[in-house]
Amino acid sequence: MGPWPGLKGVVTGCIAGWFPGITATAGASLASAVSKERDPAGFISLTASIGTVTSVFSVVTLSVSGSGRSGTSLVVKEIIGDGLAGFCSDAFILILFSIAAASALGYAITIAAGRLMSRIVDTVPAEPLADGALVLMSALVLLLTGPWGLAILAVSAFVGMLPQRFGVARVCLASCLLIPAIMTQTGIV
């Protein structure tokens, strides 16, 4: 696979990195709408590079403007405090080096885990594996958030199935992230 899907992801990630609520998948869908990515490996490369770039830009946005575009960057701000203020502060440089190291390590782990999982998945029937994942996820939601969390999971699962039923892309559901983020940023709520 050539470098083009990754480069498209970098450009899209640079654009999406400044806007709150735009996820890597939404950015990949937008990039694919502009320039069709037919190869699944290319789409994965595109999505991964958008995710990495938006993470970096989230830290850049936090250090420059003081406001985070994601929950993770807001947690980083709470932990570091005012030490992240400024584009070339010590904390900012340390976070950038941490992101680079984590990306390199994550790449190596992903390749190794992917090879291992491809061997395991071939031996396990897909239906029981999916049923087990659904049961585990539901149990964790119930354990961590209680009955209200389970109710929200059920409603969100139902809403997540609607686009497929009506033959539209699931990226349309990104408004559940964008609208509240925009309303919060503009001070409406």
C-alpha atoms as a PDB file:
ATOM      1  CA  MET A   1       0.000   0.000   0.000  1.00  0.00           C
ATOM      2  CA  GLY A   2       1.353   3.394  -0.938  1.00  0.00           C
ATOM      3  CA  PRO A   3       1.559   6.502   1.205  1.00  0.00           C
ATOM      4  CA  TRP A   4      -1.559   8.237  -0.235  1.00  0.00           C
ATOM      5  CA  PRO A   5      -4.178   7.000   2.262  1.00  0.00           C
ATOM      6  CA  GLY A   6      -1.947   8.052   5.158  1.00  0.00           C
ATOM      7  CA  LEU A   7      -1.222  11.440   3.603  1.00  0.00           C
ATOM      8  CA  LYS A   8      -4.938  12.027   2.975  1.00  0.00           C
ATOM      9  CA  GLY A   9      -5.479  11.127   6.621  1.00  0.00           C
ATOM     10  CA  VAL A  10      -2.875  13.643   7.755  1.00  0.00           C
ATOM     11  CA  VAL A  11      -4.496  16.440   5.734  1.00  0.00           C
ATOM     12  CA  THR A  12      -7.990  15.488   6.926  1.00  0.00           C
ATOM     13  CA  GLY A  13      -6.752  15.136  10.502  1.00  0.00           C
ATOM     14  CA  CYS A  14      -5.209  18.621  10.360  1.00  0.00           C
ATOM     15  CA  ILE A  15      -8.585  20.026   9.364  1.00  0.00           C
ATOM     16  CA  ALA A  16     -10.641  17.895  11.753  1.00  0.00           C
ATOM     17  CA  GLY A  17      -8.197  18.458  14.618  1.00  0.00           C
ATOM     18  CA  TRP A  18      -9.385  22.022  15.139  1.00  0.00           C
ATOM     19  CA  PHE A  19     -13.096  21.234  15.322  1.00  0.00           C
ATOM     20  CA  PRO A  20     -14.714  19.657  18.390  1.00  0.00           C
ATOM     21  CA  GLY A  21     -16.789  16.529  17.950  1.00  0.00           C
ATOM     22  CA  ILE A  22     -15.317  15.402  14.623  1.00  0.00           C
ATOM     23  CA  THR A  23     -14.058  11.878  15.190  1.00  0.00           C
ATOM     24  CA  ALA A  24     -11.501   9.990  13.123  1.00  0.00           C
ATOM     25  CA  THR A  25     -14.253   7.882  11.571  1.00  0.00           C
ATOM     26  CA  ALA A  26     -16.334  10.934  10.616  1.00  0.00           C
ATOM     27  CA  GLY A  27     -13.229  12.536   9.130  1.00  0.00           C
ATOM     28  CA  ALA A  28     -12.432   9.341   7.218  1.00  0.00           C
ATOM     29  CA  SER A  29     -15.970   9.232   5.854  1.00  0.00           C
ATOM     30  CA  LEU A  30     -15.689  12.835   4.722  1.00  0.00           C
ATOM     31  CA  ALA A  31     -12.292  12.199   3.130  1.00  0.00           C
ATOM     32  CA  SER A  32     -13.623   9.090   1.393  1.00  0.00           C
ATOM     33  CA  ALA A  33     -16.584  11.072   0.063  1.00  0.00           C
ATOM     34  CA  VAL A  34     -14.168  13.524  -1.567  1.00  0.00           C
ATOM     35  CA  SER A  35     -11.665  10.914  -2.751  1.00  0.00           C
ATOM     36  CA  LYS A  36     -12.908   7.312  -2.888  1.00  0.00           C
ATOM     37  CA  GLU A  37     -10.835   4.814  -0.917  1.00  0.00           C
ATOM     38  CA  ARG A  38     -11.736   1.362  -2.258  1.00  0.00           C
ATOM     39  CA  ASP A  39      -9.049  -0.685  -0.519  1.00  0.00           C
ATOM     40  CA  PRO A  40      -9.965  -1.733   3.072  1.00  0.00           C
ATOM     41  CA  ALA A  41      -6.308  -1.477   4.129  1.00  0.00           C
ATOM     42  CA  GLY A  42      -6.198   2.048   2.692  1.00  0.00           C
ATOM     43  CA  PHE A  43      -9.315   3.029   4.648  1.00  0.00           C
ATOM     44  CA  ILE A  44      -7.792   1.651   7.852  1.00  0.00           C
ATOM     45  CA  SER A  45      -4.587   3.617   7.163  1.00  0.00           C
ATOM     46  CA  LEU A  46      -6.655   6.730   6.476  1.00  0.00           C
ATOM     47  CA  THR A  47      -8.670   6.349   9.694  1.00  0.00           C
ATOM     48  CA  ALA A  48      -5.614   5.582  11.836  1.00  0.00           C
ATOM     49  CA  SER A  49      -3.663   8.570  10.535  1.00  0.00           C
ATOM     50  CA  ILE A  50      -6.662  10.870  11.100  1.00  0.00           C
ATOM     51  CA  GLY A  51      -6.958   9.586  14.680  1.00  0.00           C
ATOM     52  CA  THR A  52      -3.274  10.175  15.361  1.00  0.00           C
ATOM     53  CA  VAL A  53      -3.248  13.649  13.826  1.00  0.00           C
ATOM     54  CA  THR A  54      -6.428  14.739  15.634  1.00  0.00           C
ATOM     55  CA  SER A  55      -4.866  13.601  18.921  1.00  0.00           C
ATOM     56  CA  VAL A  56      -1.777  15.715  18.259  1.00  0.00           C
ATOM     57  CA  PHE A  57      -3.852  18.693  17.144  1.00  0.00           C
ATOM     58  CA  SER A  58      -5.991  18.335  20.245  1.00  0.00           C
ATOM     59  CA  VAL A  59      -2.888  18.869  22.370  1.00  0.00           C
ATOM     60  CA  VAL A  60      -1.778  21.749  20.127  1.00  0.00           C
ATOM     61  CA  THR A  61      -5.211  23.381  20.435  1.00  0.00           C
ATOM     62  CA  LEU A  62      -5.128  22.914  24.188  1.00  0.00           C
ATOM     63  CA  SER A  63      -1.687  24.500  24.517  1.00  0.00           C
ATOM     64  CA  VAL A  64      -2.446  27.422  22.179  1.00  0.00           C
ATOM     65  CA  SER A  65      -6.021  28.333  23.112  1.00  0.00           C
ATOM     66  CA  GLY A  66      -6.383  26.701  26.513  1.00  0.00           C
ATOM     67  CA  SER A  67      -9.559  24.901  25.446  1.00  0.00           C
ATOM     68  CA  GLY A  68      -9.675  21.232  24.604  1.00  0.00           C
ATOM     69  CA  ARG A  69     -11.516  19.702  21.674  1.00  0.00           C
ATOM     70  CA  SER A  70     -11.857  16.298  23.317  1.00  0.00           C
ATOM     71  CA  GLY A  71     -12.512  14.844  26.729  1.00  0.00           C
ATOM     72  CA  THR A  72      -9.003  13.408  26.788  1.00  0.00           C
ATOM     73  CA  SER A  73      -7.387  16.799  26.258  1.00  0.00           C
ATOM     74  CA  LEU A  74      -9.520  18.284  29.028  1.00  0.00           C
ATOM     75  CA  VAL A  75      -8.318  15.562  31.391  1.00  0.00           C
ATOM     76  CA  VAL A  76      -4.730  16.311  30.347  1.00  0.00           C
ATOM     77  CA  LYS A  77      -5.384  19.976  31.162  1.00  0.00           C
ATOM     78  CA  GLU A  78      -6.751  19.041  34.598  1.00  0.00           C
ATOM     79  CA  ILE A  79      -3.697  16.895  35.358  1.00  0.00           C
ATOM     80  CA  ILE A  80      -1.048  19.297  34.064  1.00  0.00           C
ATOM     81  CA  GLY A  81      -2.820  22.544  34.913  1.00  0.00           C
ATOM     82  CA  ASP A  82      -1.249  25.724  33.589  1.00  0.00           C
ATOM     83  CA  GLY A  83       2.018  23.927  32.790  1.00  0.00           C
ATOM     84  CA  LEU A  84       0.746  23.191  29.282  1.00  0.00           C
ATOM     85  CA  ALA A  85       0.186  26.856  28.446  1.00  0.00           C
ATOM     86  CA  GLY A  86       2.335  27.944  25.539  1.00  0.00           C
ATOM     87  CA  PHE A  87       3.223  26.243  22.308  1.00  0.00           C
ATOM     88  CA  CYS A  88       6.760  25.266  23.343  1.00  0.00           C
ATOM     89  CA  SER A  89       6.306  24.712  27.063  1.00  0.00           C
ATOM     90  CA  ASP A  90       8.148  21.809  28.671  1.00  0.00           C
ATOM     91  CA  ALA A  91       4.888  19.917  29.266  1.00  0.00           C
ATOM     92  CA  PHE A  92       3.840  20.391  25.630  1.00  0.00           C
ATOM     93  CA  ILE A  93       7.157  19.039  24.292  1.00  0.00           C
ATOM     94  CA  LEU A  94       6.987  16.105  26.723  1.00  0.00           C
ATOM     95  CA  ILE A  95       3.456  15.246  25.574  1.00  0.00           C
ATOM     96  CA  LEU A  96       4.498  15.405  21.908  1.00  0.00           C
ATOM     97  CA  PHE A  97       7.402  13.033  22.558  1.00  0.00           C
ATOM     98  CA  SER A  98       5.035  10.758  24.500  1.00  0.00           C
ATOM     99  CA  ILE A  99       2.608  10.733  21.558  1.00  0.00           C
ATOM    100  CA  ALA A 100       5.439   9.839  19.158  1.00  0.00           C
ATOM    101  CA  ALA A 101       6.676   7.019  21.399  1.00  0.00           C
ATOM    102  CA  ALA A 102       3.141   5.702  21.991  1.00  0.00           C
ATOM    103  CA  SER A 103       2.430   5.794  18.242  1.00  0.00           C
ATOM    104  CA  ALA A 104       5.560   3.776  17.422  1.00  0.00           C
ATOM    105  CA  LEU A 105       4.866   1.286  20.202  1.00  0.00           C
ATOM    106  CA  GLY A 106       1.181   1.112  19.242  1.00  0.00           C
ATOM    107  CA  TYR A 107       2.109   0.342  15.637  1.00  0.00           C
ATOM    108  CA  ALA A 108       4.332  -2.558  16.677  1.00  0.00           C
ATOM    109  CA  ILE A 109       1.726  -3.928  19.100  1.00  0.00           C
ATOM    110  CA  THR A 110      -1.055  -3.590  16.510  1.00  0.00           C
ATOM    111  CA  ILE A 111       0.894  -5.569  13.909  1.00  0.00           C
ATOM    112  CA  ALA A 112       1.756  -8.330  16.401  1.00  0.00           C
ATOM    113  CA  ALA A 113      -1.762  -8.463  17.879  1.00  0.00           C
ATOM    114  CA  GLY A 114      -3.319  -8.448  14.400  1.00  0.00           C
ATOM    115  CA  ARG A 115      -1.285 -11.472  13.346  1.00  0.00           C
ATOM    116  CA  LEU A 116      -2.179 -13.315  16.548  1.00  0.00           C
ATOM    117  CA  MET A 117      -5.871 -12.432  16.307  1.00  0.00           C
ATOM    118  CA  SER A 118      -6.078 -13.487  12.664  1.00  0.00           C
ATOM    119  CA  ARG A 119      -4.908 -16.965  13.675  1.00  0.00           C
ATOM    120  CA  ILE A 120      -7.329 -17.114  16.640  1.00  0.00           C
ATOM    121  CA  VAL A 121     -10.360 -15.766  14.770  1.00  0.00           C
ATOM    122  CA  ASP A 122     -10.081 -18.483  12.134  1.00  0.00           C
ATOM    123  CA  THR A 123     -10.594 -21.127  14.835  1.00  0.00           C
ATOM    124  CA  VAL A 124     -13.559 -19.507  16.645  1.00  0.00           C
ATOM    125  CA  PRO A 125     -17.051 -19.336  15.106  1.00  0.00           C
ATOM    126  CA  ALA A 126     -18.114 -15.707  14.586  1.00  0.00           C
ATOM    127  CA  GLU A 127     -21.638 -15.920  16.063  1.00  0.00           C
ATOM    128  CA  PRO A 128     -20.694 -17.163  19.573  1.00  0.00           C
ATOM    129  CA  LEU A 129     -17.820 -14.656  19.633  1.00  0.00           C
ATOM    130  CA  ALA A 130     -20.195 -11.774  18.807  1.00  0.00           C
ATOM    131  CA  ASP A 131     -22.754 -13.009  21.356  1.00  0.00           C
ATOM    132  CA  GLY A 132     -20.057 -13.206  24.028  1.00  0.00           C
ATOM    133  CA  ALA A 133     -18.855  -9.676  23.251  1.00  0.00           C
ATOM    134  CA  LEU A 134     -22.442  -8.379  23.498  1.00  0.00           C
ATOM    135  CA  VAL A 135     -23.005 -10.091  26.847  1.00  0.00           C
ATOM    136  CA  LEU A 136     -19.651  -8.852  28.197  1.00  0.00           C
ATOM    137  CA  MET A 137     -20.298  -5.280  27.051  1.00  0.00           C
ATOM    138  CA  SER A 138     -23.818  -5.256  28.515  1.00  0.00           C
ATOM    139  CA  ALA A 139     -22.547  -6.653  31.819  1.00  0.00           C
ATOM    140  CA  LEU A 140     -19.794  -4.020  32.012  1.00  0.00           C
ATOM    141  CA  VAL A 141     -22.233  -1.213  31.250  1.00  0.00           C
ATOM    142  CA  LEU A 142     -24.619  -2.479  33.917  1.00  0.00           C
ATOM    143  CA  LEU A 143     -21.793  -2.890  36.426  1.00  0.00           C
ATOM    144  CA  LEU A 144     -20.200   0.511  35.769  1.00  0.00           C
ATOM    145  CA  THR A 145     -23.254   2.697  35.108  1.00  0.00           C
ATOM    146  CA  GLY A 146     -26.238   0.830  36.538  1.00  0.00           C
ATOM    147  CA  PRO A 147     -29.686   0.388  35.020  1.00  0.00           C
ATOM    148  CA  TRP A 148     -29.739   3.899  33.511  1.00  0.00           C
ATOM    149  CA  GLY A 149     -26.547   3.161  31.613  1.00  0.00           C
ATOM    150  CA  LEU A 150     -28.049  -0.075  30.315  1.00  0.00           C
ATOM    151  CA  ALA A 151     -31.152   1.839  29.183  1.00  0.00           C
ATOM    152  CA  ILE A 152     -28.968   4.379  27.364  1.00  0.00           C
ATOM    153  CA  LEU A 153     -27.027   1.511  25.757  1.00  0.00           C
ATOM    154  CA  ALA A 154     -30.286  -0.027  24.516  1.00  0.00           C
ATOM    155  CA  VAL A 155     -31.549   3.282  23.095  1.00  0.00           C
ATOM    156  CA  SER A 156     -28.216   4.093  21.447  1.00  0.00           C
ATOM    157  CA  ALA A 157     -28.028   0.591  19.932  1.00  0.00           C
ATOM    158  CA  PHE A 158     -31.515   1.068  18.499  1.00  0.00           C
ATOM    159  CA  VAL A 159     -30.585   4.475  17.094  1.00  0.00           C
ATOM    160  CA  GLY A 160     -27.364   2.994  15.681  1.00  0.00           C
ATOM    161  CA  MET A 161     -29.375   0.438  13.704  1.00  0.00           C
ATOM    162  CA  LEU A 162     -31.677   3.027  12.108  1.00  0.00           C
ATOM    163  CA  PRO A 163     -29.270   4.229   9.371  1.00  0.00           C
ATOM    164  CA  GLN A 164     -28.788   0.679   8.073  1.00  0.00           C
ATOM    165  CA  ARG A 165     -32.556   0.156   8.090  1.00  0.00           C
ATOM    166  CA  PHE A 166     -33.095   3.308   6.016  1.00  0.00           C
ATOM    167  CA  GLY A 167     -30.073   2.762   3.765  1.00  0.00           C
ATOM    168  CA  VAL A 168     -28.014   5.767   4.857  1.00  0.00           C
ATOM    169  CA  ALA A 169     -24.472   6.011   6.216  1.00  0.00           C
ATOM    170  CA  ARG A 170     -23.938   5.853   9.970  1.00  0.00           C
ATOM    171  CA  VAL A 171     -21.768   8.969   9.797  1.00  0.00           C
ATOM    172  CA  CYS A 172     -25.056  10.885   9.945  1.00  0.00           C
ATOM    173  CA  LEU A 173     -25.138   9.979  13.640  1.00  0.00           C
ATOM    174  CA  ALA A 174     -22.064  12.159  14.229  1.00  0.00           C
ATOM    175  CA  SER A 175     -24.465  14.994  15.000  1.00  0.00           C
ATOM    176  CA  CYS A 176     -25.037  13.375  18.401  1.00  0.00           C
ATOM    177  CA  LEU A 177     -21.457  14.487  19.126  1.00  0.00           C
ATOM    178  CA  LEU A 178     -21.296  17.674  17.068  1.00  0.00           C
ATOM    179  CA  ILE A 179     -24.515  19.424  18.110  1.00  0.00           C
ATOM    180  CA  PRO A 180     -23.901  19.199  21.902  1.00  0.00           C
ATOM    181  CA  ALA A 181     -20.221  20.165  21.415  1.00  0.00           C
ATOM    182  CA  ILE A 182     -21.141  23.208  19.340  1.00  0.00           C
ATOM    183  CA  MET A 183     -23.874  24.205  21.777  1.00  0.00           C
ATOM    184  CA  THR A 184     -21.422  23.932  24.689  1.00  0.00           C
ATOM    185  CA  GLN A 185     -18.694  25.904  22.886  1.00  0.00           C
ATOM    186  CA  THR A 186     -21.086  28.704  21.925  1.00  0.00           C
ATOM    187  CA  GLY A 187     -22.538  28.924  25.436  1.00  0.00           C
ATOM    188  CA  ILE A 188     -26.075  27.892  24.457  1.00  0.00           C
ATOM    189  CA  VAL A 189     -26.098  25.247  27.212  1.00  0.00           C
END
